N, C-alpha and C. Protein backbone atom coordinates (compact mmCIF):
# COMPACT_ATOMS: atom_id res chain seq x y z
N UNK A 1 148.58 55.10 87.71
CA UNK A 1 147.84 55.49 86.48
C UNK A 1 146.40 54.94 86.67
N UNK A 2 145.44 55.73 86.45
CA UNK A 2 144.05 54.86 86.57
C UNK A 2 143.48 54.57 85.16
N UNK A 3 143.27 53.71 84.83
CA UNK A 3 142.73 53.04 83.68
C UNK A 3 141.12 53.04 83.81
N UNK A 4 140.47 53.65 82.95
CA UNK A 4 138.97 53.59 82.87
C UNK A 4 138.67 52.73 81.47
N UNK A 5 137.35 52.19 81.80
CA UNK A 5 136.61 51.92 80.49
C UNK A 5 135.66 52.86 79.96
N UNK A 6 135.92 53.16 78.76
CA UNK A 6 135.18 54.47 77.82
C UNK A 6 134.34 53.88 76.94
N UNK A 7 134.97 52.92 76.13
CA UNK A 7 134.27 52.62 74.66
C UNK A 7 133.04 51.66 75.05
N UNK A 8 132.02 51.90 74.54
CA UNK A 8 130.70 50.91 74.52
C UNK A 8 131.32 49.51 74.40
N UNK A 9 132.27 49.21 73.33
CA UNK A 9 132.66 47.63 73.07
C UNK A 9 133.18 47.10 74.30
N UNK A 10 133.83 48.01 75.09
CA UNK A 10 134.64 47.58 76.23
C UNK A 10 133.62 47.09 77.42
N UNK A 11 132.37 48.07 77.43
CA UNK A 11 131.49 47.79 78.20
C UNK A 11 130.46 46.73 78.01
N UNK A 12 130.13 46.50 76.74
CA UNK A 12 129.55 45.39 76.13
C UNK A 12 129.97 44.14 76.74
N UNK A 13 131.22 44.04 76.35
CA UNK A 13 132.21 42.88 76.73
C UNK A 13 132.06 42.28 78.14
N UNK A 14 131.98 43.38 78.90
CA UNK A 14 131.97 43.01 80.62
C UNK A 14 130.45 42.65 80.97
N UNK A 15 129.65 43.27 80.12
CA UNK A 15 128.14 43.04 80.67
C UNK A 15 127.94 41.70 80.11
N UNK A 16 128.23 41.22 78.90
CA UNK A 16 127.83 40.16 78.47
C UNK A 16 128.73 38.70 78.95
N UNK A 17 130.19 39.01 79.37
CA UNK A 17 130.86 38.02 79.66
C UNK A 17 131.09 37.93 81.24
N UNK A 18 130.52 38.75 81.81
CA UNK A 18 131.13 39.01 83.41
C UNK A 18 130.05 38.62 84.41
N UNK A 19 130.46 38.35 85.18
CA UNK A 19 129.53 38.24 86.52
C UNK A 19 128.78 39.46 87.38
N UNK A 20 127.85 39.73 88.26
CA UNK A 20 127.52 40.48 88.69
C UNK A 20 126.87 40.37 89.85
N UNK A 21 126.71 41.16 90.76
CA UNK A 21 126.27 41.30 92.08
C UNK A 21 125.55 42.76 92.25
N UNK A 22 124.30 42.46 93.09
CA UNK A 22 123.53 43.62 93.07
C UNK A 22 123.43 44.14 94.44
N UNK A 23 123.12 45.44 95.09
CA UNK A 23 122.71 45.93 96.36
C UNK A 23 121.60 46.53 96.09
N UNK A 24 121.25 47.45 97.18
CA UNK A 24 120.24 48.34 96.77
C UNK A 24 120.63 49.64 96.41
N UNK A 25 121.88 50.00 96.42
CA UNK A 25 122.51 51.32 95.96
C UNK A 25 123.48 51.23 94.77
N UNK A 26 123.77 49.88 94.65
CA UNK A 26 124.93 49.66 93.35
C UNK A 26 124.45 48.30 92.63
N UNK A 27 125.25 48.14 91.49
CA UNK A 27 125.05 47.08 90.76
C UNK A 27 126.61 46.88 90.10
N UNK A 28 127.31 45.80 90.24
CA UNK A 28 128.56 45.62 89.96
C UNK A 28 128.57 44.60 88.96
N UNK A 29 129.41 44.56 87.58
CA UNK A 29 129.70 43.81 87.00
C UNK A 29 131.28 43.66 86.78
N UNK A 30 131.70 42.51 86.87
CA UNK A 30 133.00 42.28 86.72
C UNK A 30 133.45 41.17 86.10
N UNK A 31 134.61 41.36 85.10
CA UNK A 31 135.17 40.44 84.02
C UNK A 31 136.48 40.44 84.19
N UNK A 32 137.13 39.04 83.91
CA UNK A 32 138.50 38.77 84.13
C UNK A 32 139.21 39.99 82.52
N UNK A 33 140.31 40.25 82.75
CA UNK A 33 141.09 40.67 81.44
C UNK A 33 142.42 40.31 81.38
N UNK A 34 143.28 40.40 80.22
CA UNK A 34 144.44 39.73 80.27
C UNK A 34 145.63 40.93 80.36
N UNK A 35 145.17 42.09 80.79
CA UNK A 35 146.23 42.87 80.90
C UNK A 35 146.89 43.27 82.02
N UNK A 36 146.60 42.29 83.00
CA UNK A 36 147.26 42.38 84.18
C UNK A 36 147.03 43.45 85.19
N UNK A 37 146.00 44.46 85.08
CA UNK A 37 145.77 45.73 85.68
C UNK A 37 144.36 45.67 85.90
N UNK A 38 143.72 46.67 86.75
CA UNK A 38 142.23 46.67 86.84
C UNK A 38 141.85 48.08 85.93
N UNK A 39 140.64 47.73 85.23
CA UNK A 39 140.04 48.95 84.74
C UNK A 39 138.74 49.35 85.06
N UNK A 40 138.48 50.42 85.53
CA UNK A 40 137.05 50.73 86.09
C UNK A 40 135.98 51.60 85.05
N UNK A 41 134.76 51.17 85.02
CA UNK A 41 133.82 52.17 84.39
C UNK A 41 132.59 52.52 85.06
N UNK A 42 132.11 53.41 85.08
CA UNK A 42 131.13 53.84 86.01
C UNK A 42 130.02 54.35 85.03
N UNK A 43 128.67 54.27 85.58
CA UNK A 43 127.26 54.60 84.98
C UNK A 43 126.37 54.82 85.94
N UNK A 44 125.89 56.08 85.60
CA UNK A 44 124.83 56.84 86.38
C UNK A 44 123.98 57.30 85.51
N UNK A 45 122.81 56.74 85.57
CA UNK A 45 121.59 57.22 84.76
C UNK A 45 121.08 58.16 84.92
N UNK A 46 119.85 58.60 84.55
CA UNK A 46 119.35 60.05 84.55
C UNK A 46 118.18 59.37 85.59
N UNK A 47 117.87 58.41 85.89
CA UNK A 47 116.98 57.56 86.98
C UNK A 47 117.41 57.87 88.10
N UNK A 48 118.83 58.35 88.35
CA UNK A 48 119.44 58.78 89.72
C UNK A 48 119.13 60.06 90.21
N UNK A 49 118.97 60.89 89.02
CA UNK A 49 118.50 62.22 89.32
C UNK A 49 118.97 63.34 88.19
N UNK A 50 119.21 64.58 88.47
CA UNK A 50 119.75 65.66 87.52
C UNK A 50 121.14 65.65 87.22
N UNK A 51 121.71 66.35 86.34
CA UNK A 51 123.28 66.37 86.31
C UNK A 51 123.80 66.43 87.56
N UNK A 52 123.46 67.61 88.17
CA UNK A 52 124.32 67.78 89.42
C UNK A 52 124.21 66.63 90.40
N UNK A 53 123.10 66.04 90.53
CA UNK A 53 123.21 64.63 91.69
C UNK A 53 124.11 63.36 90.93
N UNK A 54 123.93 63.41 89.58
CA UNK A 54 124.57 62.24 88.91
C UNK A 54 125.91 62.41 89.04
N UNK A 55 126.40 63.60 88.83
CA UNK A 55 127.83 64.17 88.86
C UNK A 55 128.33 63.92 90.47
N UNK A 56 127.74 64.09 91.36
CA UNK A 56 128.00 63.83 92.76
C UNK A 56 128.17 62.39 92.99
N UNK A 57 127.16 61.58 92.58
CA UNK A 57 127.25 60.31 92.61
C UNK A 57 128.57 59.67 92.22
N UNK A 58 128.80 60.03 90.81
CA UNK A 58 130.07 59.60 90.09
C UNK A 58 131.50 59.90 90.77
N UNK A 59 131.64 61.10 91.37
CA UNK A 59 132.50 61.65 92.18
C UNK A 59 132.89 60.75 93.02
N UNK A 60 131.86 60.54 93.91
CA UNK A 60 131.88 59.73 95.22
C UNK A 60 132.36 58.24 94.90
N UNK A 61 131.84 57.83 93.75
CA UNK A 61 132.24 56.42 93.52
C UNK A 61 133.71 56.46 93.24
N UNK A 62 134.20 57.38 92.02
CA UNK A 62 135.56 57.37 91.85
C UNK A 62 136.53 57.81 92.89
N UNK A 63 136.01 58.42 93.84
CA UNK A 63 136.73 58.63 94.92
C UNK A 63 136.89 57.36 95.76
N UNK A 64 136.05 56.71 95.92
CA UNK A 64 136.15 55.38 96.58
C UNK A 64 137.07 54.45 95.81
N UNK A 65 136.91 54.46 94.48
CA UNK A 65 137.79 53.41 93.67
C UNK A 65 139.20 53.91 93.63
N UNK A 66 139.62 55.34 93.18
CA UNK A 66 140.76 55.36 93.04
C UNK A 66 141.55 56.38 94.25
N UNK A 67 140.59 56.49 95.07
CA UNK A 67 141.16 56.97 96.41
C UNK A 67 141.89 56.03 97.23
N UNK A 68 142.23 54.74 96.54
CA UNK A 68 143.10 53.59 97.44
C UNK A 68 142.19 53.08 98.46
N UNK A 69 140.84 53.41 98.43
CA UNK A 69 140.07 52.91 99.57
C UNK A 69 139.29 51.62 99.08
N UNK A 70 139.43 51.23 97.86
CA UNK A 70 138.86 49.72 97.54
C UNK A 70 140.15 48.77 97.46
N UNK A 71 140.18 47.82 98.17
CA UNK A 71 141.21 46.69 98.40
C UNK A 71 141.72 46.14 96.91
N UNK A 72 142.90 46.73 96.61
CA UNK A 72 143.44 46.17 95.45
C UNK A 72 143.77 45.05 95.12
N UNK A 73 143.89 44.09 96.30
CA UNK A 73 144.43 42.65 96.31
C UNK A 73 143.08 41.93 95.56
N UNK A 74 142.16 42.68 95.86
CA UNK A 74 140.53 41.61 95.66
C UNK A 74 140.43 41.78 94.30
N UNK A 75 140.85 42.90 93.26
CA UNK A 75 140.37 43.09 92.04
C UNK A 75 141.33 43.12 90.79
N UNK A 76 142.52 42.64 91.32
CA UNK A 76 143.68 42.32 90.28
C UNK A 76 143.34 41.89 88.72
N UNK A 77 143.70 42.50 87.84
CA UNK A 77 143.54 41.89 86.22
C UNK A 77 141.72 42.02 86.15
N UNK A 78 141.09 42.77 86.38
CA UNK A 78 139.66 42.50 86.02
C UNK A 78 139.42 44.21 85.54
N UNK A 79 138.34 44.03 84.46
CA UNK A 79 137.28 44.98 84.40
C UNK A 79 136.02 45.12 85.11
N UNK A 80 135.90 46.33 85.52
CA UNK A 80 134.79 46.31 86.81
C UNK A 80 133.87 47.70 86.29
N UNK A 81 132.61 47.49 86.16
CA UNK A 81 131.54 48.25 86.01
C UNK A 81 130.80 48.63 87.11
N UNK A 82 130.51 49.78 87.44
CA UNK A 82 130.02 50.07 88.88
C UNK A 82 128.58 50.85 88.35
N UNK A 83 127.45 50.61 88.73
CA UNK A 83 126.12 51.08 88.05
C UNK A 83 125.66 51.56 89.45
N UNK A 84 125.28 52.93 89.27
CA UNK A 84 124.35 53.47 90.34
C UNK A 84 122.89 53.51 90.32
N UNK A 85 122.62 53.04 91.36
CA UNK A 85 120.92 52.76 91.20
C UNK A 85 120.44 54.22 92.05
N UNK A 86 118.81 54.26 92.18
CA UNK A 86 118.37 55.49 91.89
C UNK A 86 118.63 55.74 93.62
N UNK A 87 118.63 54.85 94.43
CA UNK A 87 118.75 55.05 95.93
C UNK A 87 120.20 55.49 96.17
N UNK A 88 121.18 55.69 95.34
CA UNK A 88 122.38 56.11 95.43
C UNK A 88 122.60 57.56 95.70
N UNK A 89 121.37 58.34 95.29
CA UNK A 89 121.23 59.58 95.11
C UNK A 89 121.30 60.15 96.56
N UNK A 90 120.45 59.26 97.46
CA UNK A 90 120.37 59.96 98.88
C UNK A 90 121.33 59.35 99.77
N UNK A 91 122.10 58.47 99.21
CA UNK A 91 123.04 57.46 100.15
C UNK A 91 124.05 58.53 100.79
N UNK A 92 124.60 58.08 102.00
CA UNK A 92 125.83 58.73 102.61
C UNK A 92 126.96 57.98 101.95
N UNK A 93 127.92 58.57 101.59
CA UNK A 93 129.41 58.06 101.32
C UNK A 93 129.71 57.15 101.99
N UNK A 94 129.59 56.66 103.28
CA UNK A 94 130.11 55.40 104.06
C UNK A 94 129.28 54.45 103.49
N UNK A 95 127.83 54.75 103.30
CA UNK A 95 127.02 53.37 102.95
C UNK A 95 127.53 53.08 101.45
N UNK A 96 127.76 54.02 100.67
CA UNK A 96 128.35 53.69 99.09
C UNK A 96 129.54 52.59 99.22
N UNK A 97 130.34 53.14 99.99
CA UNK A 97 131.85 52.70 100.11
C UNK A 97 131.77 51.16 100.50
N UNK A 98 130.91 50.98 101.61
CA UNK A 98 130.62 49.81 102.05
C UNK A 98 129.95 48.67 101.28
N UNK A 99 129.20 49.23 100.67
CA UNK A 99 128.10 48.56 99.58
C UNK A 99 128.92 47.86 98.42
N UNK A 100 129.96 49.13 97.73
CA UNK A 100 130.87 48.84 97.06
C UNK A 100 131.81 47.75 97.32
N UNK A 101 132.53 47.89 98.52
CA UNK A 101 133.44 46.92 98.91
C UNK A 101 132.93 45.55 99.03
N UNK A 102 131.75 45.63 99.60
CA UNK A 102 131.02 44.06 99.95
C UNK A 102 130.76 43.49 98.48
N UNK A 103 130.41 44.21 97.68
CA UNK A 103 129.94 43.49 96.38
C UNK A 103 131.43 43.08 95.47
N UNK A 104 132.49 43.70 95.28
CA UNK A 104 133.53 43.52 94.86
C UNK A 104 133.87 42.25 95.66
N UNK A 105 134.39 42.05 97.09
CA UNK A 105 134.48 41.14 97.56
C UNK A 105 133.99 39.88 97.39
N UNK A 106 132.41 40.03 97.47
CA UNK A 106 131.58 38.88 96.98
C UNK A 106 131.93 38.34 95.38
N UNK A 107 131.75 39.15 94.77
CA UNK A 107 132.51 38.64 93.09
C UNK A 107 133.88 38.26 93.37
N UNK A 108 134.83 38.46 93.86
CA UNK A 108 136.14 38.08 93.94
C UNK A 108 136.01 36.80 94.74
N UNK A 109 135.28 36.47 95.73
CA UNK A 109 135.31 35.18 96.49
C UNK A 109 134.56 34.26 95.36
N UNK A 110 133.52 34.79 94.85
CA UNK A 110 132.92 33.87 93.85
C UNK A 110 133.69 33.24 92.71
N UNK A 111 134.41 34.03 92.17
CA UNK A 111 135.62 33.48 91.13
C UNK A 111 136.36 32.69 91.41
N UNK A 112 136.72 32.61 93.03
CA UNK A 112 137.62 31.35 93.46
C UNK A 112 137.17 30.31 93.72
N UNK A 113 136.08 30.06 94.09
CA UNK A 113 135.12 29.07 94.57
C UNK A 113 134.65 28.21 93.30
């Protein structure tokens, strides 16, 4: 079962208490939770484009995360928010995937050091 962050309070908790990493395409915030499973939140603002473009970017991100492409061992027991930047609108799927995996691995590595 896929679990998502939906409430503003949940997003604020991750923004205020989490770590972040940035790439030209994405910003990722990660915060530990006591639930033992991972939850994801997605944010794609109007700066990225119109509704069709934003939904396309959001679908791609969800596919990367929920399509078991994301290495699950890296992110257990965390709340993760993925924010698309304006450049994500014109980015290829593989570029977004590589960027997201790189950022999550970087944050997981920072946690252990």
